[in-house]
Amino acid sequence: MTEVHDPVFRARYSFYPQGDDLVIDTRIEPGGGLPRHQHPILTERWSVLDGEAEIEYDGVKRMVGPADDELVVEPRVKHAIANLSDGEVLLRCVVVPAMRLQESLTESAAAGERGLFNRHGLPRGIAGVRWAAAFLKRYEPEVELSFPPRPVQRLLIALFAR
């Protein structure tokens, strides 16, 4: 098991590979969360194991807890998760297929530790712009951010990704 802490999104990830798939236990601190994004190829199956999280799925927000059914996020469906409570929330995500999602989350957490982007996923300074462009290019099959718009992301990639 590998555990990674992302200080920007206030989340800790524990990764459990299962063949071509990946199980991720995600602990989100109060006030933390994962910004709106989508996956071009991956399917995610989310469950709340402890606490309650606000999950945005295709533009609709709802509170989800352990008694709720698993939420299946198909490819290209925008989604986000927020912890609006005073306590930590624990979620489990099964990713099919895993591809390089673990690597992208690990790299993003390391960039957060270095202060290269803010809580909204926007780069800080030219070093952040260069990092974001390279990240977006490298992990395009795994994840697409909802902001800035895709044409702006493509321009960043063209100008700054090396």
C-alpha atoms as a PDB file:
ATOM      1  CA  MET A   1       0.000   0.000   0.000  1.00  0.00           C
ATOM      2  CA  THR A   2       1.168   3.503  -0.837  1.00  0.00           C
ATOM      3  CA  GLU A   3      -0.240   6.607   0.873  1.00  0.00           C
ATOM      4  CA  VAL A   4      -0.005  10.102  -0.613  1.00  0.00           C
ATOM      5  CA  HIS A   5      -1.035  13.412   0.971  1.00  0.00           C
ATOM      6  CA  ASP A   6      -2.299  16.275  -1.198  1.00  0.00           C
ATOM      7  CA  PRO A   7      -2.116  19.494   0.845  1.00  0.00           C
ATOM      8  CA  VAL A   8      -3.951  21.610  -1.728  1.00  0.00           C
ATOM      9  CA  PHE A   9      -7.077  19.449  -1.983  1.00  0.00           C
ATOM     10  CA  ARG A  10      -6.671  18.324   1.650  1.00  0.00           C
ATOM     11  CA  ALA A  11      -6.869  14.649   0.772  1.00  0.00           C
ATOM     12  CA  ARG A  12      -4.912  11.478   1.517  1.00  0.00           C
ATOM     13  CA  TYR A  13      -4.914   8.601  -0.929  1.00  0.00           C
ATOM     14  CA  SER A  14      -4.125   4.949  -0.237  1.00  0.00           C
ATOM     15  CA  PHE A  15      -3.677   2.877  -3.393  1.00  0.00           C
ATOM     16  CA  TYR A  16      -4.402  -0.846  -3.789  1.00  0.00           C
ATOM     17  CA  PRO A  17      -3.723  -2.218  -7.298  1.00  0.00           C
ATOM     18  CA  GLN A  18      -6.052  -5.035  -8.385  1.00  0.00           C
ATOM     19  CA  GLY A  19      -4.893  -6.402 -11.721  1.00  0.00           C
ATOM     20  CA  ASP A  20      -5.683  -3.761 -14.358  1.00  0.00           C
ATOM     21  CA  ASP A  21      -7.862  -1.864 -11.867  1.00  0.00           C
ATOM     22  CA  LEU A  22      -7.075   0.278  -8.842  1.00  0.00           C
ATOM     23  CA  VAL A  23      -8.784   0.767  -5.480  1.00  0.00           C
ATOM     24  CA  ILE A  24      -8.207   4.167  -3.894  1.00  0.00           C
ATOM     25  CA  ASP A  25      -9.236   4.940  -0.323  1.00  0.00           C
ATOM     26  CA  THR A  26      -9.553   8.716  -0.153  1.00  0.00           C
ATOM     27  CA  ARG A  27      -9.675  10.598   3.140  1.00  0.00           C
ATOM     28  CA  ILE A  28     -10.791  14.194   2.711  1.00  0.00           C
ATOM     29  CA  GLU A  29     -10.230  16.664   5.529  1.00  0.00           C
ATOM     30  CA  PRO A  30     -12.915  19.188   6.533  1.00  0.00           C
ATOM     31  CA  GLY A  31     -13.127  21.855   3.834  1.00  0.00           C
ATOM     32  CA  GLY A  32     -11.192  19.720   1.335  1.00  0.00           C
ATOM     33  CA  GLY A  33     -12.306  18.157  -1.877  1.00  0.00           C
ATOM     34  CA  LEU A  34     -11.566  17.171  -5.438  1.00  0.00           C
ATOM     35  CA  PRO A  35     -12.310  19.829  -8.082  1.00  0.00           C
ATOM     36  CA  ARG A  36     -14.621  19.255 -11.033  1.00  0.00           C
ATOM     37  CA  HIS A  37     -13.005  17.031 -13.642  1.00  0.00           C
ATOM     38  CA  GLN A  38     -13.701  14.122 -15.952  1.00  0.00           C
ATOM     39  CA  HIS A  39     -11.938  11.042 -17.252  1.00  0.00           C
ATOM     40  CA  PRO A  40     -11.873  10.349 -21.015  1.00  0.00           C
ATOM     41  CA  ILE A  41     -11.531   6.564 -20.621  1.00  0.00           C
ATOM     42  CA  LEU A  42     -11.725   5.584 -16.950  1.00  0.00           C
ATOM     43  CA  THR A  43     -14.828   4.524 -15.045  1.00  0.00           C
ATOM     44  CA  GLU A  44     -14.905   5.256 -11.302  1.00  0.00           C
ATOM     45  CA  ARG A  45     -17.156   3.587  -8.728  1.00  0.00           C
ATOM     46  CA  TRP A  46     -17.378   5.754  -5.584  1.00  0.00           C
ATOM     47  CA  SER A  47     -18.670   4.717  -2.143  1.00  0.00           C
ATOM     48  CA  VAL A  48     -18.671   6.700   1.093  1.00  0.00           C
ATOM     49  CA  LEU A  49     -17.373   4.482   3.896  1.00  0.00           C
ATOM     50  CA  ASP A  50     -17.438   6.990   6.757  1.00  0.00           C
ATOM     51  CA  GLY A  51     -18.826  10.504   7.093  1.00  0.00           C
ATOM     52  CA  GLU A  52     -20.763  12.408   4.473  1.00  0.00           C
ATOM     53  CA  ALA A  53     -19.560  14.036   1.249  1.00  0.00           C
ATOM     54  CA  GLU A  54     -21.111  16.356  -1.274  1.00  0.00           C
ATOM     55  CA  ILE A  55     -20.745  14.711  -4.659  1.00  0.00           C
ATOM     56  CA  GLU A  56     -21.382  16.664  -7.822  1.00  0.00           C
ATOM     57  CA  TYR A  57     -22.261  14.380 -10.711  1.00  0.00           C
ATOM     58  CA  ASP A  58     -22.980  15.812 -14.147  1.00  0.00           C
ATOM     59  CA  GLY A  59     -23.905  19.201 -12.653  1.00  0.00           C
ATOM     60  CA  VAL A  60     -26.132  17.866  -9.833  1.00  0.00           C
ATOM     61  CA  LYS A  61     -24.918  18.068  -6.220  1.00  0.00           C
ATOM     62  CA  ARG A  62     -26.091  15.751  -3.465  1.00  0.00           C
ATOM     63  CA  MET A  63     -24.956  14.604  -0.056  1.00  0.00           C
ATOM     64  CA  VAL A  64     -23.836  10.970   0.085  1.00  0.00           C
ATOM     65  CA  GLY A  65     -23.120   8.775   3.099  1.00  0.00           C
ATOM     66  CA  PRO A  66     -22.400   5.115   3.879  1.00  0.00           C
ATOM     67  CA  ALA A  67     -26.074   4.105   3.494  1.00  0.00           C
ATOM     68  CA  ASP A  68     -26.206   5.383  -0.098  1.00  0.00           C
ATOM     69  CA  ASP A  69     -25.599   3.256  -3.173  1.00  0.00           C
ATOM     70  CA  GLU A  70     -22.295   3.241  -5.005  1.00  0.00           C
ATOM     71  CA  LEU A  71     -22.022   6.056  -7.566  1.00  0.00           C
ATOM     72  CA  VAL A  72     -20.722   4.938 -10.963  1.00  0.00           C
ATOM     73  CA  VAL A  73     -18.993   7.742 -12.877  1.00  0.00           C
ATOM     74  CA  GLU A  74     -18.780   6.788 -16.526  1.00  0.00           C
ATOM     75  CA  PRO A  75     -16.117   8.261 -18.859  1.00  0.00           C
ATOM     76  CA  ARG A  76     -16.621  11.934 -19.800  1.00  0.00           C
ATOM     77  CA  VAL A  77     -19.021  12.669 -16.917  1.00  0.00           C
ATOM     78  CA  LYS A  78     -17.926  15.720 -14.921  1.00  0.00           C
ATOM     79  CA  HIS A  79     -17.763  15.155 -11.193  1.00  0.00           C
ATOM     80  CA  ALA A  80     -16.390  16.678  -7.990  1.00  0.00           C
ATOM     81  CA  ILE A  81     -16.313  15.807  -4.295  1.00  0.00           C
ATOM     82  CA  ALA A  82     -16.367  18.136  -1.285  1.00  0.00           C
ATOM     83  CA  ASN A  83     -16.239  17.593   2.460  1.00  0.00           C
ATOM     84  CA  LEU A  84     -18.534  20.212   3.974  1.00  0.00           C
ATOM     85  CA  SER A  85     -18.502  18.637   7.444  1.00  0.00           C
ATOM     86  CA  ASP A  86     -16.362  19.230  10.528  1.00  0.00           C
ATOM     87  CA  GLY A  87     -14.905  15.720  10.377  1.00  0.00           C
ATOM     88  CA  GLU A  88     -12.904  13.691   7.931  1.00  0.00           C
ATOM     89  CA  VAL A  89     -14.768  11.701   5.265  1.00  0.00           C
ATOM     90  CA  LEU A  90     -13.545   8.359   3.924  1.00  0.00           C
ATOM     91  CA  LEU A  91     -14.440   7.307   0.394  1.00  0.00           C
ATOM     92  CA  ARG A  92     -13.471   4.298  -1.678  1.00  0.00           C
ATOM     93  CA  CYS A  93     -13.050   4.524  -5.426  1.00  0.00           C
ATOM     94  CA  VAL A  94     -12.589   1.575  -7.762  1.00  0.00           C
ATOM     95  CA  VAL A  95     -10.975   2.739 -11.014  1.00  0.00           C
ATOM     96  CA  VAL A  96     -11.473   0.646 -14.163  1.00  0.00           C
ATOM     97  CA  PRO A  97      -8.967   0.461 -15.812  1.00  0.00           C
ATOM     98  CA  ALA A  98      -6.330   2.029 -13.555  1.00  0.00           C
ATOM     99  CA  MET A  99      -4.089   3.309 -16.346  1.00  0.00           C
ATOM    100  CA  ARG A 100      -1.826   5.957 -14.705  1.00  0.00           C
ATOM    101  CA  LEU A 101      -4.337   7.510 -12.306  1.00  0.00           C
ATOM    102  CA  GLN A 102      -2.171   6.663  -9.281  1.00  0.00           C
ATOM    103  CA  GLU A 103       0.819   8.381 -10.891  1.00  0.00           C
ATOM    104  CA  SER A 104      -1.236  11.459 -11.795  1.00  0.00           C
ATOM    105  CA  LEU A 105      -2.587  11.830  -8.240  1.00  0.00           C
ATOM    106  CA  THR A 106       0.890  11.301  -6.782  1.00  0.00           C
ATOM    107  CA  GLU A 107       2.437  13.888  -9.111  1.00  0.00           C
ATOM    108  CA  SER A 108      -0.361  16.378  -8.438  1.00  0.00           C
ATOM    109  CA  ALA A 109       0.119  15.980  -4.670  1.00  0.00           C
ATOM    110  CA  ALA A 110       3.878  16.587  -5.033  1.00  0.00           C
ATOM    111  CA  ALA A 111       3.196  19.739  -7.089  1.00  0.00           C
ATOM    112  CA  GLY A 112       0.790  20.874  -4.381  1.00  0.00           C
ATOM    113  CA  GLU A 113       3.521  20.403  -1.779  1.00  0.00           C
ATOM    114  CA  ARG A 114       5.734  22.656  -3.924  1.00  0.00           C
ATOM    115  CA  GLY A 115       2.985  25.322  -4.158  1.00  0.00           C
ATOM    116  CA  LEU A 116       2.658  25.107  -7.954  1.00  0.00           C
ATOM    117  CA  PHE A 117      -1.145  25.461  -8.025  1.00  0.00           C
ATOM    118  CA  ASN A 118      -4.013  26.673  -5.867  1.00  0.00           C
ATOM    119  CA  ARG A 119      -7.109  24.977  -4.440  1.00  0.00           C
ATOM    120  CA  HIS A 120      -9.003  25.555  -7.689  1.00  0.00           C
ATOM    121  CA  GLY A 121      -6.298  23.778  -9.684  1.00  0.00           C
ATOM    122  CA  LEU A 122      -4.995  27.000 -11.211  1.00  0.00           C
ATOM    123  CA  PRO A 123      -1.217  27.310 -11.631  1.00  0.00           C
ATOM    124  CA  ARG A 124       0.821  29.767  -9.572  1.00  0.00           C
ATOM    125  CA  GLY A 125       3.467  31.696 -11.498  1.00  0.00           C
ATOM    126  CA  ILE A 126       5.354  30.602 -14.579  1.00  0.00           C
ATOM    127  CA  ALA A 127       6.685  27.470 -12.831  1.00  0.00           C
ATOM    128  CA  GLY A 128       3.097  26.458 -12.105  1.00  0.00           C
ATOM    129  CA  VAL A 129       2.029  27.130 -15.691  1.00  0.00           C
ATOM    130  CA  ARG A 130       4.887  24.988 -17.021  1.00  0.00           C
ATOM    131  CA  TRP A 131       4.076  22.207 -14.581  1.00  0.00           C
ATOM    132  CA  ALA A 132       0.336  22.337 -15.401  1.00  0.00           C
ATOM    133  CA  ALA A 133       0.957  22.242 -19.161  1.00  0.00           C
ATOM    134  CA  ALA A 134       3.266  19.233 -18.879  1.00  0.00           C
ATOM    135  CA  PHE A 135       0.849  17.500 -16.471  1.00  0.00           C
ATOM    136  CA  LEU A 136      -2.163  18.074 -18.736  1.00  0.00           C
ATOM    137  CA  LYS A 137      -0.262  16.745 -21.740  1.00  0.00           C
ATOM    138  CA  ARG A 138       1.171  13.707 -19.935  1.00  0.00           C
ATOM    139  CA  TYR A 139      -2.080  12.618 -18.263  1.00  0.00           C
ATOM    140  CA  GLU A 140      -4.632  13.626 -20.913  1.00  0.00           C
ATOM    141  CA  PRO A 141      -5.861  10.010 -21.291  1.00  0.00           C
ATOM    142  CA  GLU A 142      -6.486   9.791 -17.527  1.00  0.00           C
ATOM    143  CA  VAL A 143      -7.952  13.144 -16.513  1.00  0.00           C
ATOM    144  CA  GLU A 144      -9.290  16.393 -17.948  1.00  0.00           C
ATOM    145  CA  LEU A 145      -9.859  19.406 -15.752  1.00  0.00           C
ATOM    146  CA  SER A 146     -13.087  21.375 -16.160  1.00  0.00           C
ATOM    147  CA  PHE A 147     -11.299  24.699 -15.790  1.00  0.00           C
ATOM    148  CA  PRO A 148      -9.768  26.429 -17.597  1.00  0.00           C
ATOM    149  CA  PRO A 149     -11.765  25.509 -20.737  1.00  0.00           C
ATOM    150  CA  ARG A 150     -10.229  22.840 -22.992  1.00  0.00           C
ATOM    151  CA  PRO A 151      -9.114  25.356 -25.691  1.00  0.00           C
ATOM    152  CA  VAL A 152      -7.135  27.264 -23.020  1.00  0.00           C
ATOM    153  CA  GLN A 153      -5.648  23.999 -21.756  1.00  0.00           C
ATOM    154  CA  ARG A 154      -4.590  23.061 -25.288  1.00  0.00           C
ATOM    155  CA  LEU A 155      -2.981  26.489 -25.726  1.00  0.00           C
ATOM    156  CA  LEU A 156      -1.082  26.059 -22.428  1.00  0.00           C
ATOM    157  CA  ILE A 157       0.110  22.649 -23.606  1.00  0.00           C
ATOM    158  CA  ALA A 158       1.237  24.009 -26.961  1.00  0.00           C
ATOM    159  CA  LEU A 159       3.083  26.967 -25.427  1.00  0.00           C
ATOM    160  CA  PHE A 160       4.589  25.490 -22.267  1.00  0.00           C
ATOM    161  CA  ALA A 161       4.653  21.677 -22.300  1.00  0.00           C
ATOM    162  CA  ARG A 162       8.033  20.248 -23.165  1.00  0.00           C
END
